[in-house]
Amino acid sequence: MKDLMGMMKAAQEMKGRMEEFQNSLEALRIDGRSGGGMVSVTLNGKGELQGLSIDPTLFKEDSVEVLEDLIVAAHNDAKGKLDLEIAQKSQDITAGLPIPPGLKFPF
């Protein structure tokens, strides 16, 4: 019975940490870059685009496709970094809980 009570207490603590983590995502900022930094994007912790910066030399009529590709690449860079950051923070939150192998967090 003590194990069950311990698990329930740990789950309550994790719930509190998870709520704090969810609230902190709004303030989290992750930058992604492409084209050697000529294009950069900023995402918040919820994956919402917060900023976009484009080097003015890319504003040429014949380089529209290149610019579009660089924007997508910068976004994907930021999204990859964001996913990694969230995975690491989630792992910290669930440390010590007996989560079955193969079950990913957040659930």
PDB file of N, CA and C in Angstrom:
ATOM      1  N   MET A   1       0.822  -1.189   0.000  1.00  0.00           N
ATOM      2  CA  MET A   1       0.000   0.000   0.000  1.00  0.00           C
ATOM      3  C   MET A   1       0.868   1.255   0.000  1.00  0.00           C
ATOM      4  N   LYS A   2       2.026   1.184   0.678  1.00  0.00           N
ATOM      5  CA  LYS A   2       2.912   2.344   0.714  1.00  0.00           C
ATOM      6  C   LYS A   2       3.384   2.712  -0.683  1.00  0.00           C
ATOM      7  N   ASP A   3       3.624   1.699  -1.530  1.00  0.00           N
ATOM      8  CA  ASP A   3       4.074   1.961  -2.893  1.00  0.00           C
ATOM      9  C   ASP A   3       3.019   2.736  -3.675  1.00  0.00           C
ATOM     10  N   LEU A   4       1.769   2.357  -3.489  1.00  0.00           N
ATOM     11  CA  LEU A   4       0.679   3.043  -4.175  1.00  0.00           C
ATOM     12  C   LEU A   4       0.579   4.486  -3.709  1.00  0.00           C
ATOM     13  N   MET A   5       0.685   4.698  -2.405  1.00  0.00           N
ATOM     14  CA  MET A   5       0.625   6.055  -1.868  1.00  0.00           C
ATOM     15  C   MET A   5       1.809   6.882  -2.355  1.00  0.00           C
ATOM     16  N   GLY A   6       2.967   6.250  -2.419  1.00  0.00           N
ATOM     17  CA  GLY A   6       4.158   6.940  -2.921  1.00  0.00           C
ATOM     18  C   GLY A   6       4.004   7.324  -4.379  1.00  0.00           C
ATOM     19  N   MET A   7       3.437   6.411  -5.165  1.00  0.00           N
ATOM     20  CA  MET A   7       3.217   6.710  -6.585  1.00  0.00           C
ATOM     21  C   MET A   7       2.211   7.839  -6.753  1.00  0.00           C
ATOM     22  N   MET A   8       1.175   7.835  -5.936  1.00  0.00           N
ATOM     23  CA  MET A   8       0.167   8.891  -6.043  1.00  0.00           C
ATOM     24  C   MET A   8       0.762  10.244  -5.660  1.00  0.00           C
ATOM     25  N   LYS A   9       1.598  10.262  -4.635  1.00  0.00           N
ATOM     26  CA  LYS A   9       2.259  11.506  -4.239  1.00  0.00           C
ATOM     27  C   LYS A   9       3.192  11.986  -5.353  1.00  0.00           C
ATOM     28  N   ALA A  10       3.954  11.069  -5.920  1.00  0.00           N
ATOM     29  CA  ALA A  10       4.863  11.421  -7.014  1.00  0.00           C
ATOM     30  C   ALA A  10       4.078  11.935  -8.223  1.00  0.00           C
ATOM     31  N   ALA A  11       2.939  11.336  -8.500  1.00  0.00           N
ATOM     32  CA  ALA A  11       2.116  11.779  -9.625  1.00  0.00           C
ATOM     33  C   ALA A  11       1.579  13.190  -9.377  1.00  0.00           C
ATOM     34  N   GLN A  12       1.179  13.483  -8.157  1.00  0.00           N
ATOM     35  CA  GLN A  12       0.700  14.830  -7.814  1.00  0.00           C
ATOM     36  C   GLN A  12       1.812  15.855  -7.984  1.00  0.00           C
ATOM     37  N   GLU A  13       3.025  15.496  -7.524  1.00  0.00           N
ATOM     38  CA  GLU A  13       4.165  16.393  -7.682  1.00  0.00           C
ATOM     39  C   GLU A  13       4.467  16.618  -9.160  1.00  0.00           C
ATOM     40  N   MET A  14       4.407  15.540  -9.947  1.00  0.00           N
ATOM     41  CA  MET A  14       4.660  15.658 -11.376  1.00  0.00           C
ATOM     42  C   MET A  14       3.602  16.542 -12.026  1.00  0.00           C
ATOM     43  N   LYS A  15       2.359  16.422 -11.584  1.00  0.00           N
ATOM     44  CA  LYS A  15       1.288  17.240 -12.137  1.00  0.00           C
ATOM     45  C   LYS A  15       1.590  18.721 -11.901  1.00  0.00           C
ATOM     46  N   GLY A  16       2.041  19.056 -10.723  1.00  0.00           N
ATOM     47  CA  GLY A  16       2.393  20.441 -10.416  1.00  0.00           C
ATOM     48  C   GLY A  16       3.546  20.928 -11.267  1.00  0.00           C
ATOM     49  N   ARG A  17       4.573  20.082 -11.417  1.00  0.00           N
ATOM     50  CA  ARG A  17       5.724  20.461 -12.263  1.00  0.00           C
ATOM     51  C   ARG A  17       5.300  20.601 -13.711  1.00  0.00           C
ATOM     52  N   MET A  18       4.402  19.738 -14.158  1.00  0.00           N
ATOM     53  CA  MET A  18       3.934  19.793 -15.540  1.00  0.00           C
ATOM     54  C   MET A  18       3.142  21.075 -15.788  1.00  0.00           C
ATOM     55  N   GLU A  19       2.320  21.476 -14.830  1.00  0.00           N
ATOM     56  CA  GLU A  19       1.564  22.721 -14.982  1.00  0.00           C
ATOM     57  C   GLU A  19       2.509  23.920 -15.068  1.00  0.00           C
ATOM     58  N   GLU A  20       3.540  23.927 -14.223  1.00  0.00           N
ATOM     59  CA  GLU A  20       4.544  24.996 -14.281  1.00  0.00           C
ATOM     60  C   GLU A  20       5.238  24.992 -15.637  1.00  0.00           C
ATOM     61  N   PHE A  21       5.575  23.800 -16.110  1.00  0.00           N
ATOM     62  CA  PHE A  21       6.247  23.664 -17.405  1.00  0.00           C
ATOM     63  C   PHE A  21       5.358  24.185 -18.527  1.00  0.00           C
ATOM     64  N   GLN A  22       4.096  23.810 -18.528  1.00  0.00           N
ATOM     65  CA  GLN A  22       3.169  24.281 -19.558  1.00  0.00           C
ATOM     66  C   GLN A  22       3.086  25.803 -19.564  1.00  0.00           C
ATOM     67  N   ASN A  23       3.041  26.399 -18.375  1.00  0.00           N
ATOM     68  CA  ASN A  23       2.985  27.853 -18.280  1.00  0.00           C
ATOM     69  C   ASN A  23       4.274  28.506 -18.770  1.00  0.00           C
ATOM     70  N   SER A  24       5.398  27.842 -18.585  1.00  0.00           N
ATOM     71  CA  SER A  24       6.679  28.413 -18.998  1.00  0.00           C
ATOM     72  C   SER A  24       6.891  28.336 -20.511  1.00  0.00           C
ATOM     73  N   LEU A  25       6.129  27.490 -21.198  1.00  0.00           N
ATOM     74  CA  LEU A  25       6.320  27.348 -22.649  1.00  0.00           C
ATOM     75  C   LEU A  25       6.054  28.643 -23.399  1.00  0.00           C
ATOM     76  N   GLU A  26       5.123  29.430 -22.911  1.00  0.00           N
ATOM     77  CA  GLU A  26       4.791  30.694 -23.581  1.00  0.00           C
ATOM     78  C   GLU A  26       6.001  31.623 -23.616  1.00  0.00           C
ATOM     79  N   ALA A  27       6.807  31.593 -22.566  1.00  0.00           N
ATOM     80  CA  ALA A  27       7.962  32.488 -22.482  1.00  0.00           C
ATOM     81  C   ALA A  27       9.207  31.909 -23.165  1.00  0.00           C
ATOM     82  N   LEU A  28       9.230  30.624 -23.432  1.00  0.00           N
ATOM     83  CA  LEU A  28      10.387  29.991 -24.065  1.00  0.00           C
ATOM     84  C   LEU A  28      10.549  30.495 -25.490  1.00  0.00           C
ATOM     85  N   ARG A  29      11.766  30.829 -25.868  1.00  0.00           N
ATOM     86  CA  ARG A  29      12.058  31.293 -27.230  1.00  0.00           C
ATOM     87  C   ARG A  29      13.177  30.429 -27.805  1.00  0.00           C
ATOM     88  N   ILE A  30      12.943  29.900 -29.002  1.00  0.00           N
ATOM     89  CA  ILE A  30      13.915  29.075 -29.704  1.00  0.00           C
ATOM     90  C   ILE A  30      14.134  29.680 -31.080  1.00  0.00           C
ATOM     91  N   ASP A  31      15.404  29.898 -31.432  1.00  0.00           N
ATOM     92  CA  ASP A  31      15.742  30.458 -32.738  1.00  0.00           C
ATOM     93  C   ASP A  31      16.206  29.360 -33.681  1.00  0.00           C
ATOM     94  N   GLY A  32      15.819  29.484 -34.933  1.00  0.00           N
ATOM     95  CA  GLY A  32      16.291  28.602 -35.987  1.00  0.00           C
ATOM     96  C   GLY A  32      16.872  29.449 -37.099  1.00  0.00           C
ATOM     97  N   ARG A  33      17.916  28.949 -37.728  1.00  0.00           N
ATOM     98  CA  ARG A  33      18.594  29.724 -38.775  1.00  0.00           C
ATOM     99  C   ARG A  33      18.840  28.860 -40.007  1.00  0.00           C
ATOM    100  N   SER A  34      18.959  29.551 -41.133  1.00  0.00           N
ATOM    101  CA  SER A  34      19.343  28.873 -42.368  1.00  0.00           C
ATOM    102  C   SER A  34      20.092  29.868 -43.234  1.00  0.00           C
ATOM    103  N   GLY A  35      20.718  29.340 -44.278  1.00  0.00           N
ATOM    104  CA  GLY A  35      21.460  30.209 -45.195  1.00  0.00           C
ATOM    105  C   GLY A  35      22.581  30.949 -44.502  1.00  0.00           C
ATOM    106  N   GLY A  36      23.243  30.288 -43.574  1.00  0.00           N
ATOM    107  CA  GLY A  36      24.336  30.938 -42.861  1.00  0.00           C
ATOM    108  C   GLY A  36      23.861  32.108 -42.012  1.00  0.00           C
ATOM    109  N   GLY A  37      22.630  32.048 -41.547  1.00  0.00           N
ATOM    110  CA  GLY A  37      22.074  33.106 -40.709  1.00  0.00           C
ATOM    111  C   GLY A  37      21.350  34.193 -41.487  1.00  0.00           C
ATOM    112  N   MET A  38      21.221  34.007 -42.793  1.00  0.00           N
ATOM    113  CA  MET A  38      20.539  35.020 -43.605  1.00  0.00           C
ATOM    114  C   MET A  38      19.035  35.034 -43.334  1.00  0.00           C
ATOM    115  N   VAL A  39      18.513  33.892 -42.878  1.00  0.00           N
ATOM    116  CA  VAL A  39      17.103  33.804 -42.492  1.00  0.00           C
ATOM    117  C   VAL A  39      17.062  33.197 -41.091  1.00  0.00           C
ATOM    118  N   SER A  40      16.308  33.834 -40.215  1.00  0.00           N
ATOM    119  CA  SER A  40      16.133  33.265 -38.881  1.00  0.00           C
ATOM    120  C   SER A  40      14.676  33.413 -38.463  1.00  0.00           C
ATOM    121  N   VAL A  41      14.229  32.425 -37.700  1.00  0.00           N
ATOM    122  CA  VAL A  41      12.871  32.462 -37.161  1.00  0.00           C
ATOM    123  C   VAL A  41      12.954  32.228 -35.656  1.00  0.00           C
ATOM    124  N   THR A  42      11.972  32.728 -34.954  1.00  0.00           N
ATOM    125  CA  THR A  42      11.867  32.518 -33.516  1.00  0.00           C
ATOM    126  C   THR A  42      10.499  31.910 -33.235  1.00  0.00           C
ATOM    127  N   LEU A  43      10.519  30.786 -32.513  1.00  0.00           N
ATOM    128  CA  LEU A  43       9.290  30.115 -32.098  1.00  0.00           C
ATOM    129  C   LEU A  43       9.172  30.202 -30.587  1.00  0.00           C
ATOM    130  N   ASN A  44       7.936  30.277 -30.093  1.00  0.00           N
ATOM    131  CA  ASN A  44       7.766  30.144 -28.650  1.00  0.00           C
ATOM    132  C   ASN A  44       7.665  28.663 -28.318  1.00  0.00           C
ATOM    133  N   GLY A  45       7.542  28.347 -27.055  1.00  0.00           N
ATOM    134  CA  GLY A  45       7.518  26.951 -26.623  1.00  0.00           C
ATOM    135  C   GLY A  45       6.320  26.166 -27.099  1.00  0.00           C
ATOM    136  N   LYS A  46       5.318  26.856 -27.610  1.00  0.00           N
ATOM    137  CA  LYS A  46       4.149  26.172 -28.149  1.00  0.00           C
ATOM    138  C   LYS A  46       4.250  25.976 -29.656  1.00  0.00           C
ATOM    139  N   GLY A  47       5.400  26.369 -30.237  1.00  0.00           N
ATOM    140  CA  GLY A  47       5.624  26.206 -31.668  1.00  0.00           C
ATOM    141  C   GLY A  47       5.050  27.326 -32.512  1.00  0.00           C
ATOM    142  N   GLU A  48       4.614  28.395 -31.877  1.00  0.00           N
ATOM    143  CA  GLU A  48       4.038  29.527 -32.611  1.00  0.00           C
ATOM    144  C   GLU A  48       5.156  30.457 -33.074  1.00  0.00           C
ATOM    145  N   LEU A  49       5.072  30.882 -34.331  1.00  0.00           N
ATOM    146  CA  LEU A  49       6.066  31.779 -34.899  1.00  0.00           C
ATOM    147  C   LEU A  49       5.977  33.135 -34.224  1.00  0.00           C
ATOM    148  N   GLN A  50       7.095  33.573 -33.641  1.00  0.00           N
ATOM    149  CA  GLN A  50       7.128  34.845 -32.927  1.00  0.00           C
ATOM    150  C   GLN A  50       7.933  35.904 -33.676  1.00  0.00           C
ATOM    151  N   GLY A  51       8.823  35.469 -34.559  1.00  0.00           N
ATOM    152  CA  GLY A  51       9.636  36.433 -35.283  1.00  0.00           C
ATOM    153  C   GLY A  51      10.245  35.826 -36.524  1.00  0.00           C
ATOM    154  N   LEU A  52      10.526  36.690 -37.481  1.00  0.00           N
ATOM    155  CA  LEU A  52      11.138  36.284 -38.734  1.00  0.00           C
ATOM    156  C   LEU A  52      12.092  37.390 -39.154  1.00  0.00           C
ATOM    157  N   SER A  53      13.322  37.026 -39.482  1.00  0.00           N
ATOM    158  CA  SER A  53      14.309  37.996 -39.930  1.00  0.00           C
ATOM    159  C   SER A  53      14.923  37.501 -41.237  1.00  0.00           C
ATOM    160  N   ILE A  54      14.936  38.378 -42.230  1.00  0.00           N
ATOM    161  CA  ILE A  54      15.466  38.023 -43.547  1.00  0.00           C
ATOM    162  C   ILE A  54      16.491  39.064 -43.951  1.00  0.00           C
ATOM    163  N   ASP A  55      17.663  38.599 -44.339  1.00  0.00           N
ATOM    164  CA  ASP A  55      18.703  39.504 -44.824  1.00  0.00           C
ATOM    165  C   ASP A  55      18.189  40.188 -46.089  1.00  0.00           C
ATOM    166  N   PRO A  56      18.266  41.514 -46.167  1.00  0.00           N
ATOM    167  CA  PRO A  56      17.730  42.249 -47.320  1.00  0.00           C
ATOM    168  C   PRO A  56      18.331  41.849 -48.667  1.00  0.00           C
ATOM    169  N   THR A  57      19.520  41.266 -48.664  1.00  0.00           N
ATOM    170  CA  THR A  57      20.126  40.870 -49.942  1.00  0.00           C
ATOM    171  C   THR A  57      19.366  39.721 -50.600  1.00  0.00           C
ATOM    172  N   LEU A  58      18.499  39.064 -49.859  1.00  0.00           N
ATOM    173  CA  LEU A  58      17.713  37.968 -50.421  1.00  0.00           C
ATOM    174  C   LEU A  58      16.470  38.450 -51.162  1.00  0.00           C
ATOM    175  N   PHE A  59      16.172  39.744 -51.085  1.00  0.00           N
ATOM    176  CA  PHE A  59      14.986  40.281 -51.738  1.00  0.00           C
ATOM    177  C   PHE A  59      15.273  40.618 -53.195  1.00  0.00           C
ATOM    178  N   LYS A  60      15.414  39.580 -53.964  1.00  0.00           N
ATOM    179  CA  LYS A  60      15.622  39.725 -55.398  1.00  0.00           C
ATOM    180  C   LYS A  60      14.547  38.915 -56.101  1.00  0.00           C
ATOM    181  N   GLU A  61      14.076  39.443 -57.192  1.00  0.00           N
ATOM    182  CA  GLU A  61      12.966  38.815 -57.914  1.00  0.00           C
ATOM    183  C   GLU A  61      13.280  37.374 -58.323  1.00  0.00           C
ATOM    184  N   ASP A  62      14.517  37.116 -58.679  1.00  0.00           N
ATOM    185  CA  ASP A  62      14.870  35.781 -59.160  1.00  0.00           C
ATOM    186  C   ASP A  62      15.234  34.810 -58.025  1.00  0.00           C
ATOM    187  N   SER A  63      15.158  35.243 -56.779  1.00  0.00           N
ATOM    188  CA  SER A  63      15.532  34.356 -55.681  1.00  0.00           C
ATOM    189  C   SER A  63      14.367  34.058 -54.745  1.00  0.00           C
ATOM    190  N   VAL A  64      13.144  34.183 -55.222  1.00  0.00           N
ATOM    191  CA  VAL A  64      11.971  33.937 -54.391  1.00  0.00           C
ATOM    192  C   VAL A  64      11.947  32.485 -53.893  1.00  0.00           C
ATOM    193  N   GLU A  65      12.208  31.539 -54.775  1.00  0.00           N
ATOM    194  CA  GLU A  65      12.185  30.132 -54.366  1.00  0.00           C
ATOM    195  C   GLU A  65      13.259  29.834 -53.335  1.00  0.00           C
ATOM    196  N   VAL A  66      14.436  30.434 -53.503  1.00  0.00           N
ATOM    197  CA  VAL A  66      15.515  30.243 -52.533  1.00  0.00           C
ATOM    198  C   VAL A  66      15.090  30.793 -51.183  1.00  0.00           C
ATOM    199  N   LEU A  67      14.490  31.976 -51.176  1.00  0.00           N
ATOM    200  CA  LEU A  67      14.020  32.589 -49.937  1.00  0.00           C
ATOM    201  C   LEU A  67      12.962  31.721 -49.261  1.00  0.00           C
ATOM    202  N   GLU A  68      12.032  31.216 -50.026  1.00  0.00           N
ATOM    203  CA  GLU A  68      10.988  30.346 -49.464  1.00  0.00           C
ATOM    204  C   GLU A  68      11.611  29.107 -48.829  1.00  0.00           C
ATOM    205  N   ASP A  69      12.579  28.503 -49.522  1.00  0.00           N
ATOM    206  CA  ASP A  69      13.247  27.314 -48.984  1.00  0.00           C
ATOM    207  C   ASP A  69      14.012  27.634 -47.703  1.00  0.00           C
ATOM    208  N   LEU A  70      14.652  28.804 -47.660  1.00  0.00           N
ATOM    209  CA  LEU A  70      15.404  29.191 -46.469  1.00  0.00           C
ATOM    210  C   LEU A  70      14.485  29.433 -45.271  1.00  0.00           C
ATOM    211  N   ILE A  71      13.309  29.988 -45.528  1.00  0.00           N
ATOM    212  CA  ILE A  71      12.351  30.210 -44.450  1.00  0.00           C
ATOM    213  C   ILE A  71      11.879  28.869 -43.881  1.00  0.00           C
ATOM    214  N   VAL A  72      11.556  27.948 -44.755  1.00  0.00           N
ATOM    215  CA  VAL A  72      11.120  26.617 -44.314  1.00  0.00           C
ATOM    216  C   VAL A  72      12.253  25.930 -43.541  1.00  0.00           C
ATOM    217  N   ALA A  73      13.479  26.025 -44.040  1.00  0.00           N
ATOM    218  CA  ALA A  73      14.618  25.388 -43.372  1.00  0.00           C
ATOM    219  C   ALA A  73      14.860  25.998 -41.990  1.00  0.00           C
ATOM    220  N   ALA A  74      14.741  27.318 -41.880  1.00  0.00           N
ATOM    221  CA  ALA A  74      14.933  27.983 -40.587  1.00  0.00           C
ATOM    222  C   ALA A  74      13.846  27.560 -39.604  1.00  0.00           C
ATOM    223  N   HIS A  75      12.620  27.462 -40.095  1.00  0.00           N
ATOM    224  CA  HIS A  75      11.520  27.019 -39.227  1.00  0.00           C
ATOM    225  C   HIS A  75      11.754  25.584 -38.760  1.00  0.00           C
ATOM    226  N   ASN A  76      12.153  24.723 -39.666  1.00  0.00           N
ATOM    227  CA  ASN A  76      12.402  23.328 -39.300  1.00  0.00           C
ATOM    228  C   ASN A  76      13.555  23.214 -38.303  1.00  0.00           C
ATOM    229  N   ASP A  77      14.568  24.064 -38.444  1.00  0.00           N
ATOM    230  CA  ASP A  77      15.680  24.087 -37.503  1.00  0.00           C
ATOM    231  C   ASP A  77      15.177  24.459 -36.109  1.00  0.00           C
ATOM    232  N   ALA A  78      14.374  25.515 -36.033  1.00  0.00           N
ATOM    233  CA  ALA A  78      13.832  25.951 -34.747  1.00  0.00           C
ATOM    234  C   ALA A  78      12.916  24.886 -34.154  1.00  0.00           C
ATOM    235  N   LYS A  79      12.091  24.264 -34.975  1.00  0.00           N
ATOM    236  CA  LYS A  79      11.153  23.238 -34.492  1.00  0.00           C
ATOM    237  C   LYS A  79      11.906  22.038 -33.936  1.00  0.00           C
ATOM    238  N   GLY A  80      12.978  21.642 -34.609  1.00  0.00           N
ATOM    239  CA  GLY A  80      13.791  20.532 -34.114  1.00  0.00           C
ATOM    240  C   GLY A  80      14.413  20.843 -32.763  1.00  0.00           C
ATOM    241  N   LYS A  81      14.926  22.066 -32.618  1.00  0.00           N
ATOM    242  CA  LYS A  81      15.510  22.488 -31.345  1.00  0.00           C
ATOM    243  C   LYS A  81      14.441  22.543 -30.255  1.00  0.00           C
ATOM    244  N   LEU A  82      13.263  23.034 -30.612  1.00  0.00           N
ATOM    245  CA  LEU A  82      12.159  23.119 -29.657  1.00  0.00           C
ATOM    246  C   LEU A  82      11.748  21.727 -29.182  1.00  0.00           C
ATOM    247  N   ASP A  83      11.601  20.799 -30.102  1.00  0.00           N
ATOM    248  CA  ASP A  83      11.218  19.432 -29.736  1.00  0.00           C
ATOM    249  C   ASP A  83      12.242  18.814 -28.786  1.00  0.00           C
ATOM    250  N   LEU A  84      13.523  19.047 -29.059  1.00  0.00           N
ATOM    251  CA  LEU A  84      14.580  18.526 -28.201  1.00  0.00           C
ATOM    252  C   LEU A  84      14.512  19.157 -26.818  1.00  0.00           C
ATOM    253  N   GLU A  85      14.316  20.464 -26.748  1.00  0.00           N
ATOM    254  CA  GLU A  85      14.217  21.175 -25.474  1.00  0.00           C
ATOM    255  C   GLU A  85      13.038  20.659 -24.645  1.00  0.00           C
ATOM    256  N   ILE A  86      11.897  20.485 -25.298  1.00  0.00           N
ATOM    257  CA  ILE A  86      10.713  19.986 -24.594  1.00  0.00           C
ATOM    258  C   ILE A  86      10.933  18.556 -24.109  1.00  0.00           C
ATOM    259  N   ALA A  87      11.561  17.728 -24.929  1.00  0.00           N
ATOM    260  CA  ALA A  87      11.833  16.345 -24.526  1.00  0.00           C
ATOM    261  C   ALA A  87      12.750  16.306 -23.310  1.00  0.00           C
ATOM    262  N   GLN A  88      13.773  17.160 -23.302  1.00  0.00           N
ATOM    263  CA  GLN A  88      14.696  17.183 -22.169  1.00  0.00           C
ATOM    264  C   GLN A  88      14.002  17.667 -20.900  1.00  0.00           C
ATOM    265  N   LYS A  89      13.199  18.717 -21.013  1.00  0.00           N
ATOM    266  CA  LYS A  89      12.501  19.236 -19.840  1.00  0.00           C
ATOM    267  C   LYS A  89      11.447  18.244 -19.351  1.00  0.00           C
ATOM    268  N   SER A  90      10.787  17.561 -20.266  1.00  0.00           N
ATOM    269  CA  SER A  90       9.797  16.558 -19.884  1.00  0.00           C
ATOM    270  C   SER A  90      10.456  15.404 -19.146  1.00  0.00           C
ATOM    271  N   GLN A  91      11.643  15.045 -19.582  1.00  0.00           N
ATOM    272  CA  GLN A  91      12.374  13.963 -18.927  1.00  0.00           C
ATOM    273  C   GLN A  91      12.720  14.354 -17.492  1.00  0.00           C
ATOM    274  N   ASP A  92      13.083  15.620 -17.292  1.00  0.00           N
ATOM    275  CA  ASP A  92      13.372  16.093 -15.941  1.00  0.00           C
ATOM    276  C   ASP A  92      12.128  16.014 -15.052  1.00  0.00           C
ATOM    277  N   ILE A  93      10.978  16.358 -15.619  1.00  0.00           N
ATOM    278  CA  ILE A  93       9.732  16.353 -14.856  1.00  0.00           C
ATOM    279  C   ILE A  93       9.353  14.948 -14.427  1.00  0.00           C
ATOM    280  N   THR A  94       9.551  13.982 -15.298  1.00  0.00           N
ATOM    281  CA  THR A  94       9.114  12.615 -15.007  1.00  0.00           C
ATOM    282  C   THR A  94      10.199  11.773 -14.336  1.00  0.00           C
ATOM    283  N   ALA A  95      11.334  12.365 -14.023  1.00  0.00           N
ATOM    284  CA  ALA A  95      12.428  11.609 -13.400  1.00  0.00           C
ATOM    285  C   ALA A  95      11.942  10.950 -12.112  1.00  0.00           C
ATOM    286  N   GLY A  96      12.224   9.667 -11.999  1.00  0.00           N
ATOM    287  CA  GLY A  96      11.859   8.944 -10.791  1.00  0.00           C
ATOM    288  C   GLY A  96      10.507   8.253 -10.857  1.00  0.00           C
ATOM    289  N   LEU A  97       9.714   8.560 -11.875  1.00  0.00           N
ATOM    290  CA  LEU A  97       8.419   7.886 -11.987  1.00  0.00           C
ATOM    291  C   LEU A  97       8.578   6.627 -12.837  1.00  0.00           C
ATOM    292  N   PRO A  98       7.905   5.569 -12.469  1.00  0.00           N
ATOM    293  CA  PRO A  98       8.010   4.321 -13.228  1.00  0.00           C
ATOM    294  C   PRO A  98       7.145   4.353 -14.485  1.00  0.00           C
ATOM    295  N   ILE A  99       7.602   5.053 -15.516  1.00  0.00           N
ATOM    296  CA  ILE A  99       6.857   5.122 -16.776  1.00  0.00           C
ATOM    297  C   ILE A  99       7.289   3.932 -17.635  1.00  0.00           C
ATOM    298  N   PRO A 100       6.345   3.147 -18.117  1.00  0.00           N
ATOM    299  CA  PRO A 100       6.686   1.951 -18.902  1.00  0.00           C
ATOM    300  C   PRO A 100       7.469   2.309 -20.159  1.00  0.00           C
ATOM    301  N   PRO A 101       8.406   1.451 -20.571  1.00  0.00           N
ATOM    302  CA  PRO A 101       9.176   1.690 -21.795  1.00  0.00           C
ATOM    303  C   PRO A 101       8.240   1.830 -22.990  1.00  0.00           C
ATOM    304  N   GLY A 102       8.568   2.737 -23.873  1.00  0.00           N
ATOM    305  CA  GLY A 102       7.775   2.950 -25.069  1.00  0.00           C
ATOM    306  C   GLY A 102       6.683   3.982 -24.902  1.00  0.00           C
ATOM    307  N   LEU A 103       6.325   4.326 -23.678  1.00  0.00           N
ATOM    308  CA  LEU A 103       5.312   5.344 -23.421  1.00  0.00           C
ATOM    309  C   LEU A 103       6.003   6.689 -23.436  1.00  0.00           C
ATOM    310  N   LYS A 104       5.544   7.576 -24.297  1.00  0.00           N
ATOM    311  CA  LYS A 104       6.179   8.887 -24.432  1.00  0.00           C
ATOM    312  C   LYS A 104       5.452   9.914 -23.607  1.00  0.00           C
ATOM    313  N   PHE A 105       6.218  10.884 -23.121  1.00  0.00           N
ATOM    314  CA  PHE A 105       5.666  11.963 -22.318  1.00  0.00           C
ATOM    315  C   PHE A 105       5.901  13.252 -23.073  1.00  0.00           C
ATOM    316  N   PRO A 106       4.997  14.202 -23.129  1.00  0.00           N
ATOM    317  CA  PRO A 106       3.708  14.189 -22.477  1.00  0.00           C
ATOM    318  C   PRO A 106       2.757  13.199 -23.138  1.00  0.00           C
ATOM    319  N   PHE A 107       1.869  12.645 -22.334  1.00  0.00           N
ATOM    320  CA  PHE A 107       0.995  11.552 -22.763  1.00  0.00           C
ATOM    321  C   PHE A 107       0.036  11.983 -23.814  1.00  0.00           C
TER     322      PHE A 107
END
